[in-house]
Amino acid sequence: MATIRNAHAGWVGDLPTGAGKVSLDSSGVGSFDITWKARAEAAEGKTSPEELIAAAHSSCFAMAFTHALGEAGIAADYVNTSAAVTFVPGTGITGSHLTLAARIPGMGQEDFTAFAEGAKAGCPVSAALAGVTITLDATLDA
C-alpha cells in the first residue's frame, strides 16, 4: 500500500533577504525556519532543503541496511548513519555522501561492504537522488 507524506513551506520577501518556514505536516513534529543564507552559507539555526534531504537519505539508508541484515538473519549491535548533501549555488545539489559505522558480531569486512553497497543502491531515497553522485564510507567497528 502506498503512503503519502506531506510538508508545506511559506516564504515572504525575495530570495536573498526573505525568509520562510517549512512544516512537517504528516508527522506534526515541527516547523523549521528557512532562508537562502542558511542554504547557501551558514545554517545559523535554520534549515535548508539539502539538510532535509540529508535527514531523509541517512534514515532511509539506515533502514535499508538493517532490513538487508534482518533478511539475512543478522542483527547488528548498533548502526549509525549520516548523509552530507552538497549544494552549489547556481548548480544545485551535486552529491550525497553517506557514512556508516556499525558493529555486527561475526561479520567480515567483505560481507559488510556488500551489505552497505546494497543498501546504498536499494534505498528509495538513493533512487530519488539518481541524478547526483552518491558516495559511501563504511566502517565495521570491532
N, C-alpha and C. Protein backbone atom coordinates (compact mmCIF):
# COMPACT_ATOMS: atom_id res chain seq x y z
N MET A 1 0.83 -1.18 0.00
CA MET A 1 0.00 0.00 0.00
C MET A 1 0.88 1.24 0.00
N ALA A 2 0.59 2.17 -0.85
CA ALA A 2 1.35 3.41 -0.93
C ALA A 2 1.04 4.32 0.25
N THR A 3 2.03 5.09 0.65
CA THR A 3 1.83 6.11 1.67
C THR A 3 2.20 7.46 1.08
N ILE A 4 1.58 8.48 1.57
CA ILE A 4 1.88 9.84 1.15
C ILE A 4 2.24 10.63 2.40
N ARG A 5 3.33 11.35 2.34
CA ARG A 5 3.74 12.21 3.43
C ARG A 5 3.69 13.66 2.93
N ASN A 6 3.30 14.56 3.80
CA ASN A 6 3.10 15.95 3.39
C ASN A 6 3.93 16.92 4.22
N ALA A 7 4.37 17.95 3.53
CA ALA A 7 5.03 19.10 4.15
C ALA A 7 4.61 20.31 3.34
N HIS A 8 4.74 21.47 3.94
CA HIS A 8 4.48 22.68 3.18
C HIS A 8 5.44 23.78 3.62
N ALA A 9 5.61 24.75 2.74
CA ALA A 9 6.51 25.86 3.03
C ALA A 9 5.84 27.17 2.64
N GLY A 10 6.14 28.20 3.39
CA GLY A 10 5.72 29.55 3.07
C GLY A 10 6.95 30.43 3.01
N TRP A 11 6.87 31.49 2.22
CA TRP A 11 8.03 32.37 2.03
C TRP A 11 7.54 33.81 1.93
N VAL A 12 8.27 34.74 2.53
CA VAL A 12 7.96 36.16 2.44
C VAL A 12 9.24 36.87 2.00
N GLY A 13 9.10 37.72 0.98
CA GLY A 13 10.24 38.51 0.52
C GLY A 13 10.93 37.88 -0.68
N ASP A 14 12.03 38.52 -1.07
CA ASP A 14 12.79 37.99 -2.20
C ASP A 14 13.70 36.86 -1.73
N LEU A 15 14.40 36.25 -2.66
CA LEU A 15 15.25 35.12 -2.31
C LEU A 15 16.41 35.49 -1.40
N PRO A 16 17.19 36.51 -1.73
CA PRO A 16 18.38 36.78 -0.90
C PRO A 16 18.08 37.26 0.52
N THR A 17 17.00 38.03 0.70
CA THR A 17 16.76 38.61 2.02
C THR A 17 15.49 38.11 2.69
N GLY A 18 14.69 37.36 1.97
CA GLY A 18 13.44 36.85 2.51
C GLY A 18 13.66 35.68 3.45
N ALA A 19 12.56 35.16 3.95
CA ALA A 19 12.62 34.03 4.87
C ALA A 19 11.33 33.25 4.77
N GLY A 20 11.41 32.02 5.23
CA GLY A 20 10.23 31.18 5.21
C GLY A 20 10.24 30.18 6.33
N LYS A 21 9.29 29.30 6.25
CA LYS A 21 9.14 28.24 7.25
C LYS A 21 8.63 27.01 6.53
N VAL A 22 9.23 25.88 6.82
CA VAL A 22 8.77 24.60 6.29
C VAL A 22 8.17 23.81 7.44
N SER A 23 7.02 23.20 7.21
CA SER A 23 6.33 22.44 8.25
C SER A 23 6.19 20.99 7.82
N LEU A 24 6.48 20.10 8.75
CA LEU A 24 6.32 18.66 8.51
C LEU A 24 4.90 18.30 8.92
N ASP A 25 4.01 18.26 7.95
CA ASP A 25 2.58 18.11 8.23
C ASP A 25 2.17 16.71 8.64
N SER A 26 2.68 15.71 7.99
CA SER A 26 2.25 14.33 8.27
C SER A 26 2.57 13.92 9.69
N SER A 27 3.78 14.22 10.13
CA SER A 27 4.19 13.83 11.48
C SER A 27 3.80 14.86 12.52
N GLY A 28 3.72 16.10 12.10
CA GLY A 28 3.43 17.17 13.05
C GLY A 28 4.56 17.45 14.01
N VAL A 29 5.77 17.00 13.68
CA VAL A 29 6.87 17.18 14.63
C VAL A 29 7.46 18.58 14.66
N GLY A 30 7.06 19.42 13.71
CA GLY A 30 7.54 20.77 13.83
C GLY A 30 7.57 21.56 12.55
N SER A 31 7.85 22.84 12.75
CA SER A 31 8.06 23.79 11.66
C SER A 31 9.47 24.34 11.83
N PHE A 32 10.12 24.59 10.71
CA PHE A 32 11.52 24.98 10.76
C PHE A 32 11.75 26.18 9.85
N ASP A 33 12.51 27.16 10.35
CA ASP A 33 12.83 28.36 9.59
C ASP A 33 13.78 28.02 8.46
N ILE A 34 13.56 28.68 7.29
CA ILE A 34 14.42 28.52 6.14
C ILE A 34 14.78 29.89 5.58
N THR A 35 16.01 30.02 5.10
CA THR A 35 16.46 31.23 4.42
C THR A 35 17.45 30.82 3.34
N TRP A 36 17.67 31.74 2.39
CA TRP A 36 18.68 31.49 1.37
C TRP A 36 20.06 31.39 2.02
N LYS A 37 20.33 32.27 2.99
CA LYS A 37 21.63 32.25 3.66
C LYS A 37 21.89 30.90 4.31
N ALA A 38 20.85 30.32 4.94
CA ALA A 38 21.01 29.00 5.56
C ALA A 38 21.28 27.93 4.51
N ARG A 39 20.81 28.16 3.31
CA ARG A 39 21.00 27.18 2.24
C ARG A 39 22.37 27.33 1.59
N ALA A 40 22.80 28.57 1.37
CA ALA A 40 24.00 28.80 0.57
C ALA A 40 25.23 29.19 1.38
N GLU A 41 25.04 29.50 2.68
CA GLU A 41 26.18 29.92 3.50
C GLU A 41 26.17 29.14 4.81
N ALA A 42 25.86 29.81 5.93
CA ALA A 42 25.86 29.18 7.25
C ALA A 42 24.44 28.95 7.73
N ALA A 43 24.21 27.83 8.37
CA ALA A 43 22.86 27.46 8.81
C ALA A 43 22.29 28.43 9.85
N GLU A 44 23.09 28.80 10.83
CA GLU A 44 22.69 29.74 11.87
C GLU A 44 21.30 29.46 12.45
N GLY A 45 21.06 28.21 12.80
CA GLY A 45 19.81 27.83 13.45
C GLY A 45 18.63 27.64 12.52
N LYS A 46 18.88 27.66 11.23
CA LYS A 46 17.81 27.47 10.25
C LYS A 46 18.14 26.25 9.41
N THR A 47 17.16 25.73 8.70
CA THR A 47 17.40 24.53 7.89
C THR A 47 17.35 24.88 6.41
N SER A 48 17.52 23.86 5.59
CA SER A 48 17.51 24.02 4.14
C SER A 48 16.96 22.75 3.50
N PRO A 49 16.55 22.83 2.24
CA PRO A 49 16.11 21.62 1.57
C PRO A 49 17.19 20.53 1.60
N GLU A 50 18.45 20.93 1.50
CA GLU A 50 19.52 19.93 1.49
C GLU A 50 19.66 19.23 2.84
N GLU A 51 19.47 19.97 3.93
CA GLU A 51 19.53 19.32 5.24
C GLU A 51 18.37 18.34 5.40
N LEU A 52 17.21 18.71 4.90
CA LEU A 52 16.06 17.81 4.97
C LEU A 52 16.29 16.58 4.10
N ILE A 53 16.92 16.76 2.94
CA ILE A 53 17.26 15.62 2.09
C ILE A 53 18.30 14.74 2.78
N ALA A 54 19.28 15.35 3.44
CA ALA A 54 20.28 14.58 4.18
C ALA A 54 19.63 13.74 5.28
N ALA A 55 18.66 14.32 5.98
CA ALA A 55 17.94 13.57 7.01
C ALA A 55 17.20 12.39 6.39
N ALA A 56 16.55 12.65 5.26
CA ALA A 56 15.83 11.57 4.58
C ALA A 56 16.78 10.49 4.09
N HIS A 57 17.92 10.89 3.52
CA HIS A 57 18.84 9.90 2.97
C HIS A 57 19.49 9.06 4.06
N SER A 58 19.92 9.70 5.15
CA SER A 58 20.57 8.93 6.22
C SER A 58 19.59 7.97 6.89
N SER A 59 18.35 8.40 7.10
CA SER A 59 17.39 7.49 7.74
C SER A 59 16.95 6.38 6.80
N CYS A 60 16.78 6.68 5.52
CA CYS A 60 16.43 5.66 4.55
C CYS A 60 17.55 4.62 4.42
N PHE A 61 18.78 5.10 4.37
CA PHE A 61 19.94 4.20 4.26
C PHE A 61 20.03 3.29 5.49
N ALA A 62 19.83 3.84 6.68
CA ALA A 62 19.85 3.03 7.89
C ALA A 62 18.78 1.95 7.84
N MET A 63 17.59 2.30 7.38
CA MET A 63 16.50 1.33 7.27
C MET A 63 16.83 0.26 6.24
N ALA A 64 17.36 0.66 5.08
CA ALA A 64 17.70 -0.31 4.04
C ALA A 64 18.79 -1.26 4.51
N PHE A 65 19.78 -0.74 5.22
CA PHE A 65 20.88 -1.56 5.71
C PHE A 65 20.39 -2.57 6.75
N THR A 66 19.64 -2.09 7.73
CA THR A 66 19.17 -3.02 8.77
C THR A 66 18.14 -4.01 8.22
N HIS A 67 17.38 -3.60 7.23
CA HIS A 67 16.44 -4.53 6.59
C HIS A 67 17.20 -5.66 5.88
N ALA A 68 18.24 -5.30 5.16
CA ALA A 68 19.04 -6.31 4.46
C ALA A 68 19.68 -7.27 5.46
N LEU A 69 20.18 -6.74 6.56
CA LEU A 69 20.74 -7.61 7.60
C LEU A 69 19.68 -8.56 8.14
N GLY A 70 18.51 -8.00 8.46
CA GLY A 70 17.42 -8.81 9.02
C GLY A 70 16.98 -9.91 8.07
N GLU A 71 16.91 -9.59 6.78
CA GLU A 71 16.54 -10.61 5.78
C GLU A 71 17.54 -11.76 5.76
N ALA A 72 18.79 -11.47 6.12
CA ALA A 72 19.83 -12.49 6.16
C ALA A 72 19.95 -13.13 7.55
N GLY A 73 19.06 -12.74 8.47
CA GLY A 73 19.10 -13.30 9.81
C GLY A 73 20.23 -12.76 10.66
N ILE A 74 20.69 -11.56 10.36
CA ILE A 74 21.82 -10.95 11.07
C ILE A 74 21.33 -9.75 11.87
N ALA A 75 21.82 -9.64 13.09
CA ALA A 75 21.48 -8.50 13.94
C ALA A 75 22.74 -7.71 14.26
N ALA A 76 22.67 -6.39 14.12
CA ALA A 76 23.79 -5.52 14.46
C ALA A 76 23.68 -5.10 15.92
N ASP A 77 24.82 -4.90 16.57
CA ASP A 77 24.82 -4.31 17.90
C ASP A 77 24.37 -2.86 17.80
N TYR A 78 24.84 -2.16 16.78
CA TYR A 78 24.38 -0.81 16.50
C TYR A 78 24.70 -0.46 15.05
N VAL A 79 23.95 0.51 14.54
CA VAL A 79 24.16 1.05 13.21
C VAL A 79 24.01 2.57 13.32
N ASN A 80 25.02 3.31 12.88
CA ASN A 80 24.96 4.77 12.84
C ASN A 80 25.21 5.23 11.41
N THR A 81 24.32 6.05 10.90
CA THR A 81 24.46 6.56 9.55
C THR A 81 24.37 8.08 9.54
N SER A 82 24.98 8.67 8.53
CA SER A 82 24.82 10.10 8.29
C SER A 82 24.88 10.33 6.79
N ALA A 83 24.36 11.46 6.38
CA ALA A 83 24.44 11.88 4.98
C ALA A 83 24.84 13.34 4.94
N ALA A 84 25.71 13.68 4.03
CA ALA A 84 26.14 15.06 3.80
C ALA A 84 25.78 15.40 2.36
N VAL A 85 24.77 16.24 2.19
CA VAL A 85 24.31 16.63 0.86
C VAL A 85 24.97 17.94 0.47
N THR A 86 25.58 17.95 -0.71
CA THR A 86 26.29 19.12 -1.20
C THR A 86 25.40 19.93 -2.13
N PHE A 87 25.32 21.24 -1.86
CA PHE A 87 24.58 22.18 -2.69
C PHE A 87 25.54 23.24 -3.19
N VAL A 88 25.53 23.48 -4.49
CA VAL A 88 26.36 24.52 -5.09
C VAL A 88 25.42 25.56 -5.70
N PRO A 89 25.40 26.80 -5.15
CA PRO A 89 24.54 27.82 -5.72
C PRO A 89 24.80 27.99 -7.22
N GLY A 90 23.73 28.05 -7.97
CA GLY A 90 23.83 28.18 -9.41
C GLY A 90 23.91 26.85 -10.14
N THR A 91 24.23 25.80 -9.41
CA THR A 91 24.32 24.45 -9.99
C THR A 91 23.25 23.55 -9.43
N GLY A 92 23.12 23.54 -8.10
CA GLY A 92 22.14 22.68 -7.44
C GLY A 92 22.81 21.65 -6.56
N ILE A 93 22.07 20.60 -6.28
CA ILE A 93 22.58 19.50 -5.47
C ILE A 93 23.52 18.68 -6.34
N THR A 94 24.74 18.48 -5.85
CA THR A 94 25.74 17.77 -6.65
C THR A 94 26.08 16.40 -6.09
N GLY A 95 25.68 16.11 -4.86
CA GLY A 95 26.01 14.80 -4.32
C GLY A 95 25.49 14.60 -2.92
N SER A 96 25.55 13.33 -2.53
CA SER A 96 25.23 12.95 -1.15
C SER A 96 26.28 11.95 -0.72
N HIS A 97 26.93 12.23 0.40
CA HIS A 97 27.95 11.33 0.92
C HIS A 97 27.40 10.63 2.17
N LEU A 98 27.26 9.33 2.08
CA LEU A 98 26.77 8.53 3.19
C LEU A 98 27.94 8.03 4.02
N THR A 99 27.74 7.99 5.33
CA THR A 99 28.72 7.42 6.24
C THR A 99 27.99 6.40 7.11
N LEU A 100 28.61 5.25 7.26
CA LEU A 100 28.04 4.16 8.05
C LEU A 100 29.10 3.64 9.01
N ALA A 101 28.72 3.48 10.25
CA ALA A 101 29.54 2.80 11.24
C ALA A 101 28.62 1.80 11.93
N ALA A 102 29.08 0.57 12.04
CA ALA A 102 28.25 -0.46 12.65
C ALA A 102 29.12 -1.50 13.33
N ARG A 103 28.54 -2.13 14.32
CA ARG A 103 29.17 -3.29 14.94
C ARG A 103 28.23 -4.46 14.70
N ILE A 104 28.78 -5.47 14.04
CA ILE A 104 28.00 -6.66 13.69
C ILE A 104 28.84 -7.88 14.04
N PRO A 105 28.54 -8.51 15.17
CA PRO A 105 29.35 -9.64 15.61
C PRO A 105 29.45 -10.73 14.54
N GLY A 106 30.69 -11.17 14.30
CA GLY A 106 30.93 -12.28 13.38
C GLY A 106 30.97 -11.90 11.91
N MET A 107 30.72 -10.67 11.57
CA MET A 107 30.72 -10.27 10.15
C MET A 107 32.10 -9.79 9.73
N GLY A 108 32.52 -10.22 8.56
CA GLY A 108 33.79 -9.78 8.00
C GLY A 108 33.60 -8.54 7.14
N GLN A 109 34.73 -7.90 6.82
CA GLN A 109 34.70 -6.65 6.06
C GLN A 109 34.08 -6.83 4.68
N GLU A 110 34.37 -7.91 3.99
CA GLU A 110 33.84 -8.11 2.64
C GLU A 110 32.32 -8.19 2.64
N ASP A 111 31.75 -8.96 3.56
CA ASP A 111 30.29 -9.05 3.66
C ASP A 111 29.68 -7.72 4.08
N PHE A 112 30.33 -7.05 5.02
CA PHE A 112 29.85 -5.75 5.48
C PHE A 112 29.78 -4.75 4.32
N THR A 113 30.84 -4.70 3.55
CA THR A 113 30.88 -3.79 2.40
C THR A 113 29.77 -4.13 1.41
N ALA A 114 29.54 -5.41 1.17
CA ALA A 114 28.48 -5.83 0.24
C ALA A 114 27.11 -5.40 0.75
N PHE A 115 26.84 -5.58 2.02
CA PHE A 115 25.57 -5.14 2.59
C PHE A 115 25.42 -3.62 2.49
N ALA A 116 26.50 -2.90 2.80
CA ALA A 116 26.46 -1.44 2.75
C ALA A 116 26.21 -0.93 1.34
N GLU A 117 26.92 -1.47 0.37
CA GLU A 117 26.73 -1.05 -1.02
C GLU A 117 25.34 -1.41 -1.52
N GLY A 118 24.84 -2.58 -1.12
CA GLY A 118 23.49 -2.97 -1.50
C GLY A 118 22.44 -2.04 -0.92
N ALA A 119 22.63 -1.62 0.33
CA ALA A 119 21.69 -0.69 0.96
C ALA A 119 21.76 0.68 0.30
N LYS A 120 22.95 1.11 -0.06
CA LYS A 120 23.11 2.40 -0.75
C LYS A 120 22.34 2.37 -2.06
N ALA A 121 22.48 1.30 -2.81
CA ALA A 121 21.80 1.18 -4.11
C ALA A 121 20.30 0.96 -3.95
N GLY A 122 19.89 0.24 -2.92
CA GLY A 122 18.50 -0.14 -2.75
C GLY A 122 17.63 0.83 -1.99
N CYS A 123 18.24 1.80 -1.35
CA CYS A 123 17.49 2.80 -0.58
C CYS A 123 16.64 3.64 -1.53
N PRO A 124 15.33 3.77 -1.29
CA PRO A 124 14.49 4.57 -2.17
C PRO A 124 14.92 6.03 -2.31
N VAL A 125 15.52 6.61 -1.28
CA VAL A 125 15.99 7.98 -1.41
C VAL A 125 17.20 8.03 -2.33
N SER A 126 18.05 7.01 -2.30
CA SER A 126 19.15 6.94 -3.27
C SER A 126 18.59 6.92 -4.69
N ALA A 127 17.52 6.17 -4.90
CA ALA A 127 16.90 6.12 -6.23
C ALA A 127 16.38 7.50 -6.63
N ALA A 128 15.81 8.23 -5.67
CA ALA A 128 15.29 9.57 -5.95
C ALA A 128 16.43 10.54 -6.27
N LEU A 129 17.61 10.26 -5.76
CA LEU A 129 18.78 11.12 -5.98
C LEU A 129 19.68 10.58 -7.10
N ALA A 130 19.13 9.77 -7.97
CA ALA A 130 19.92 9.10 -9.01
C ALA A 130 20.67 10.07 -9.92
N GLY A 131 20.25 11.30 -9.99
CA GLY A 131 20.91 12.28 -10.85
C GLY A 131 22.16 12.89 -10.25
N VAL A 132 22.52 12.52 -9.03
CA VAL A 132 23.72 13.07 -8.39
C VAL A 132 24.63 11.93 -7.96
N THR A 133 25.87 12.27 -7.66
CA THR A 133 26.83 11.28 -7.20
C THR A 133 26.55 10.93 -5.74
N ILE A 134 26.45 9.64 -5.46
CA ILE A 134 26.27 9.16 -4.08
C ILE A 134 27.51 8.34 -3.72
N THR A 135 28.19 8.75 -2.67
CA THR A 135 29.38 8.05 -2.22
C THR A 135 29.13 7.48 -0.83
N LEU A 136 30.02 6.57 -0.41
CA LEU A 136 29.83 5.87 0.85
C LEU A 136 31.16 5.58 1.51
N ASP A 137 31.26 5.89 2.80
CA ASP A 137 32.33 5.42 3.67
C ASP A 137 31.68 4.51 4.70
N ALA A 138 32.12 3.27 4.76
CA ALA A 138 31.53 2.31 5.69
C ALA A 138 32.63 1.73 6.58
N THR A 139 32.39 1.80 7.89
CA THR A 139 33.35 1.31 8.86
C THR A 139 32.72 0.25 9.72
N LEU A 140 33.31 -0.93 9.72
CA LEU A 140 32.87 -2.03 10.57
C LEU A 140 33.67 -1.95 11.86
N ASP A 141 32.99 -1.60 12.93
CA ASP A 141 33.66 -1.45 14.23
C ASP A 141 33.86 -2.82 14.88
N ALA A 142 34.99 -2.96 15.57
CA ALA A 142 35.30 -4.21 16.24
C ALA A 142 34.60 -4.29 17.58
